[in-house]
Amino acid sequence: MYKHITLPELKKFFKLPPSFRVDACIVYGSYDEAKYKKEFLSLLKGKKVVIDELKDDFINKILSVKVGNKRIWFIVEYGGARLSEFVHFASMLGSKVNILTGSCGGLKKGLDEFAIVIPSYSYSTESSCHMYLRDKKDNRFYPDKKLSEEVINLLKDKQKVVSGPIITCQAMMGETWEDIQKWSKAGFYGVEMEASTVFSVSEHFKVPSTAILRVADNLIEKEIVRSESYKKKKDKFDEIKDDILRTALDIALEK
């Protein structure tokens, strides 16, 4: 059905010109679309930028930016359902790299509270992952190793960077303290909502992908977003977030 839509059909469906292509796709895992689009655009000051007018009501939530001769799609999404479709479209339209940015809840005891986690894989049972990688026998979904190493090399002199497994759970309000303890004991560094979706769709299309995630609420220490300890870290979090987005943008412009 929909998976068999051809590229010319896709362009016609979304009112895109025949020559339209996407060079890179950057995702920010969040509900606050306006905030992160504004912050992404602020990183482009001083560059020659043209913002595309996407006429279709479904994809016009995507910030489509032409920077020089490169078109980047910046997508702010919370969870994986619609995200799987947006990454699918970007990949069909020629994206050479798909990068997830954002945050995760800390699960690993002793992990630096300001660490950036580059996942070695994401464990997930979400349907989008297995719809795209139907022959997969387990629930581990992998980023591109070479791309992840490139990210680590760009960030390691600026921030504390670690690599390890994470878990993707798209039902945050269903998480229990028992879940957090079990995931921590299993060796996961963090939990978030989008990584396995980005990895699986990208792998299906043979597009290199990775994720760059700062540790946000430290769940294994019973810290949540509304905690006073979380609020006190806001300035440092903002600095880390900017470094994450700049790194993703630098890579996107190079591909």
Protein backbone atom coordinates (compact mmCIF):
# COMPACT_ATOMS: atom_id res chain seq x y z
CA MET A 1 0.00 0.00 0.00
CA TYR A 2 1.54 3.32 1.12
CA LYS A 3 5.03 1.82 1.33
CA HIS A 4 4.94 1.26 -2.43
CA ILE A 5 4.40 4.93 -3.31
CA THR A 6 7.06 5.93 -5.84
CA LEU A 7 9.25 9.02 -5.58
CA PRO A 8 7.42 10.87 -8.41
CA GLU A 9 4.10 10.01 -6.75
CA LEU A 10 5.39 11.27 -3.40
CA LYS A 11 6.46 14.60 -4.88
CA LYS A 12 3.12 15.01 -6.63
CA PHE A 13 1.23 14.03 -3.47
CA PHE A 14 3.02 16.70 -1.40
CA LYS A 15 3.07 19.37 -4.15
CA LEU A 16 6.88 19.31 -4.42
CA PRO A 17 8.69 20.25 -7.65
CA PRO A 18 10.20 17.35 -9.64
CA SER A 19 13.76 18.46 -8.80
CA PHE A 20 13.11 18.67 -5.03
CA ARG A 21 15.62 16.76 -2.91
CA VAL A 22 16.63 16.58 0.74
CA ASP A 23 20.34 16.37 1.59
CA ALA A 24 20.08 15.75 5.34
CA CYS A 25 17.48 15.25 8.04
CA ILE A 26 17.92 16.43 11.65
CA VAL A 27 15.33 15.44 14.24
CA TYR A 28 14.90 17.04 17.66
CA GLY A 29 12.95 14.86 20.08
CA SER A 30 10.55 17.26 21.80
CA TYR A 31 6.98 18.54 21.89
CA ASP A 32 8.06 22.23 21.77
CA GLU A 33 8.14 22.72 18.02
CA ALA A 34 8.29 26.54 17.92
CA LYS A 35 11.13 26.79 20.46
CA TYR A 36 13.50 24.38 18.77
CA LYS A 37 12.81 25.57 15.24
CA LYS A 38 13.69 29.10 16.39
CA GLU A 39 16.88 27.86 18.06
CA PHE A 40 17.88 25.87 14.98
CA LEU A 41 17.42 28.91 12.74
CA SER A 42 19.53 31.00 15.13
CA LEU A 43 22.48 28.68 14.38
CA LEU A 44 22.21 29.62 10.70
CA LYS A 45 22.78 33.36 11.20
CA GLY A 46 25.38 34.66 8.78
CA LYS A 47 24.71 31.90 6.23
CA LYS A 48 22.77 32.19 2.99
CA VAL A 49 19.45 30.63 3.95
CA VAL A 50 16.19 30.10 2.07
CA ILE A 51 13.20 28.61 3.90
CA ASP A 52 11.02 26.44 1.66
CA GLU A 53 7.29 26.89 1.67
CA LEU A 54 5.92 23.36 1.99
CA LYS A 55 2.38 23.67 0.70
CA ASP A 56 0.94 20.39 1.92
CA ASP A 57 -0.70 20.59 5.36
CA PHE A 58 0.86 17.34 6.56
CA ILE A 59 4.52 18.06 5.87
CA ASN A 60 4.45 21.82 6.45
CA LYS A 61 5.29 21.10 10.10
CA ILE A 62 8.77 20.29 8.82
CA LEU A 63 11.25 23.18 8.72
CA SER A 64 12.79 22.83 5.25
CA VAL A 65 15.86 25.03 4.88
CA LYS A 66 18.16 25.53 1.92
CA VAL A 67 21.65 26.46 3.17
CA GLY A 68 23.81 27.22 0.15
CA ASN A 69 23.20 24.24 -2.12
CA LYS A 70 22.14 21.89 0.71
CA ARG A 71 18.57 21.35 1.82
CA ILE A 72 18.11 20.26 5.42
CA TRP A 73 14.89 19.08 6.97
CA PHE A 74 14.61 19.95 10.67
CA ILE A 75 11.88 17.97 12.38
CA VAL A 76 10.65 18.43 15.93
CA GLU A 77 8.70 15.35 17.03
CA TYR A 78 7.68 13.66 20.26
CA GLY A 79 7.59 9.88 19.82
CA GLY A 80 7.72 7.76 16.72
CA ALA A 81 4.43 7.42 14.79
CA ARG A 82 4.50 10.52 12.60
CA LEU A 83 8.28 10.68 12.91
CA SER A 84 8.61 7.35 11.08
CA GLU A 85 6.74 8.86 8.16
CA PHE A 86 8.77 12.08 8.10
CA VAL A 87 12.09 10.16 8.17
CA HIS A 88 10.67 7.87 5.47
CA PHE A 89 9.90 10.88 3.26
CA ALA A 90 13.31 12.48 3.87
CA SER A 91 15.06 9.23 3.01
CA MET A 92 13.05 8.79 -0.19
CA LEU A 93 13.87 12.36 -1.17
CA GLY A 94 17.60 11.64 -0.99
CA SER A 95 18.78 12.36 2.55
CA LYS A 96 22.40 11.30 2.97
CA VAL A 97 22.28 11.35 6.78
CA ASN A 98 19.55 11.23 9.45
CA ILE A 99 20.52 12.53 12.90
CA LEU A 100 18.41 12.45 16.06
CA THR A 101 19.18 15.12 18.65
CA GLY A 102 17.61 15.75 22.04
CA SER A 103 17.74 14.17 25.47
CA CYS A 104 17.24 10.96 27.40
CA GLY A 105 16.39 10.04 30.97
CA GLY A 106 19.47 8.77 32.78
CA LEU A 107 19.49 5.10 33.77
CA LYS A 108 23.15 4.29 34.42
CA LYS A 109 24.34 4.75 37.99
CA GLY A 110 27.37 7.03 38.19
CA LEU A 111 26.82 8.51 34.73
CA ASP A 112 27.93 12.15 34.57
CA GLU A 113 24.80 14.32 34.92
CA PHE A 114 25.97 16.46 31.98
CA ALA A 115 27.03 13.61 29.72
CA ILE A 116 26.12 13.29 26.06
CA VAL A 117 25.16 9.75 25.11
CA ILE A 118 25.87 8.42 21.62
CA PRO A 119 23.86 5.16 21.51
CA SER A 120 25.61 1.97 20.51
CA TYR A 121 22.10 0.64 19.88
CA SER A 122 18.53 1.21 21.01
CA TYR A 123 16.37 -1.59 22.36
CA SER A 124 12.73 -1.27 21.33
CA THR A 125 9.60 -3.30 20.70
CA GLU A 126 7.77 -0.46 18.93
CA SER A 127 5.87 -1.42 15.77
CA SER A 128 7.53 1.07 13.43
CA CYS A 129 10.91 -0.60 13.93
CA HIS A 130 9.74 -4.08 13.01
CA MET A 131 7.60 -2.84 10.11
CA TYR A 132 10.76 -1.47 8.48
CA LEU A 133 13.15 -4.29 9.46
CA ARG A 134 10.83 -7.29 9.18
CA ASP A 135 13.51 -9.98 9.16
CA LYS A 136 15.12 -8.75 12.38
CA LYS A 137 15.23 -11.44 15.05
CA ASP A 138 15.82 -9.22 18.07
CA ASN A 139 14.87 -5.77 19.39
CA ARG A 140 18.22 -4.03 18.99
CA PHE A 141 18.29 -1.22 16.43
CA TYR A 142 21.64 0.21 15.45
CA PRO A 143 23.00 3.57 14.30
CA ASP A 144 25.73 3.83 11.71
CA LYS A 145 29.02 3.12 13.50
CA LYS A 146 31.17 5.37 11.32
CA LEU A 147 28.79 8.30 11.68
CA SER A 148 28.60 7.83 15.45
CA GLU A 149 32.39 7.88 15.66
CA GLU A 150 32.42 11.10 13.64
CA VAL A 151 30.04 12.69 16.15
CA ILE A 152 32.14 11.55 19.10
CA ASN A 153 35.30 13.01 17.56
CA LEU A 154 33.59 16.36 16.99
CA LEU A 155 32.21 16.60 20.53
CA LYS A 156 34.78 14.94 22.79
CA ASP A 157 36.88 18.08 23.31
CA LYS A 158 33.80 20.18 24.16
CA GLN A 159 31.64 17.96 26.32
CA LYS A 160 31.67 14.69 28.25
CA VAL A 161 30.72 12.05 25.68
CA VAL A 162 29.92 8.40 26.36
CA SER A 163 28.64 5.56 24.19
CA GLY A 164 26.36 2.75 25.33
CA PRO A 165 22.97 1.09 24.80
CA ILE A 166 19.71 2.92 25.37
CA ILE A 167 16.07 1.89 25.38
CA THR A 168 13.27 3.50 23.37
CA CYS A 169 9.93 3.67 25.20
CA GLN A 170 7.14 5.74 23.69
CA ALA A 171 4.83 5.61 26.71
CA MET A 172 6.59 7.83 29.23
CA MET A 173 3.63 8.08 31.59
CA GLY A 174 3.48 4.29 31.74
CA GLU A 175 7.04 3.97 33.07
CA THR A 176 7.27 2.67 36.65
CA TRP A 177 10.08 2.77 39.19
CA GLU A 178 10.36 -0.98 38.64
CA ASP A 179 10.93 -0.37 34.93
CA ILE A 180 13.68 2.14 35.67
CA GLN A 181 15.43 -0.29 38.01
CA LYS A 182 15.12 -3.17 35.54
CA TRP A 183 16.45 -1.11 32.63
CA SER A 184 19.32 0.21 34.72
CA LYS A 185 20.25 -3.28 35.87
CA ALA A 186 20.20 -4.45 32.22
CA GLY A 187 22.91 -1.90 31.44
CA PHE A 188 21.00 0.76 29.52
CA TYR A 189 22.43 4.28 29.75
CA GLY A 190 19.18 6.12 29.10
CA VAL A 191 15.57 5.96 27.92
CA GLU A 192 13.98 8.17 25.25
CA MET A 193 11.23 8.06 22.62
CA GLU A 194 12.62 8.34 19.07
CA ALA A 195 15.98 6.63 18.50
CA SER A 196 14.89 3.18 17.39
CA THR A 197 12.43 4.71 14.92
CA VAL A 198 15.13 6.87 13.31
CA PHE A 199 17.59 3.96 13.24
CA SER A 200 15.19 1.40 11.74
CA VAL A 201 13.70 3.62 9.02
CA SER A 202 17.17 4.86 8.10
CA GLU A 203 18.58 1.34 7.90
CA HIS A 204 15.70 0.29 5.67
CA PHE A 205 16.67 3.02 3.21
CA LYS A 206 20.44 2.46 3.71
CA VAL A 207 20.85 6.00 5.06
CA PRO A 208 23.49 6.44 7.81
CA SER A 209 21.95 7.55 11.10
CA THR A 210 22.98 8.32 14.65
CA ALA A 211 21.67 10.00 17.80
CA ILE A 212 23.18 12.70 20.03
CA LEU A 213 21.40 12.80 23.39
CA ARG A 214 22.15 14.78 26.52
CA VAL A 215 21.23 13.28 29.85
CA ALA A 216 18.23 15.21 31.15
CA ASP A 217 16.29 13.98 34.18
CA ASN A 218 18.37 11.43 36.09
CA LEU A 219 15.72 8.76 36.53
CA ILE A 220 17.85 6.23 38.39
CA GLU A 221 18.40 8.94 41.04
CA LYS A 222 14.63 9.62 41.10
CA GLU A 223 15.02 13.02 39.45
CA ILE A 224 12.27 14.13 37.05
CA VAL A 225 11.87 17.18 34.82
CA ARG A 226 9.99 19.21 37.45
CA SER A 227 12.60 18.55 40.15
CA GLU A 228 14.46 21.53 41.64
CA SER A 229 17.77 19.81 40.86
CA TYR A 230 16.77 19.64 37.19
CA LYS A 231 15.84 23.33 37.03
CA LYS A 232 19.20 24.36 38.49
CA LYS A 233 21.01 22.70 35.56
CA LYS A 234 19.18 24.67 32.86
CA ASP A 235 22.09 26.94 31.80
CA LYS A 236 24.46 24.00 31.35
CA PHE A 237 21.76 22.05 29.53
CA ASP A 238 21.34 24.95 27.10
CA GLU A 239 25.07 24.99 26.38
CA ILE A 240 25.08 21.24 25.74
CA LYS A 241 21.98 21.46 23.54
CA ASP A 242 23.63 24.14 21.39
CA ASP A 243 26.75 22.00 20.95
CA ILE A 244 24.59 19.02 19.97
CA LEU A 245 22.64 20.99 17.35
CA ARG A 246 25.79 22.64 15.95
CA THR A 247 27.44 19.26 15.59
CA ALA A 248 24.44 17.80 13.78
CA LEU A 249 24.27 20.85 11.51
CA ASP A 250 28.01 20.73 10.71
CA ILE A 251 27.72 17.09 9.68
CA ALA A 252 24.58 17.75 7.63
CA LEU A 253 26.27 20.54 5.69
CA GLU A 254 29.28 18.35 4.93
CA LYS A 255 27.31 15.43 3.44
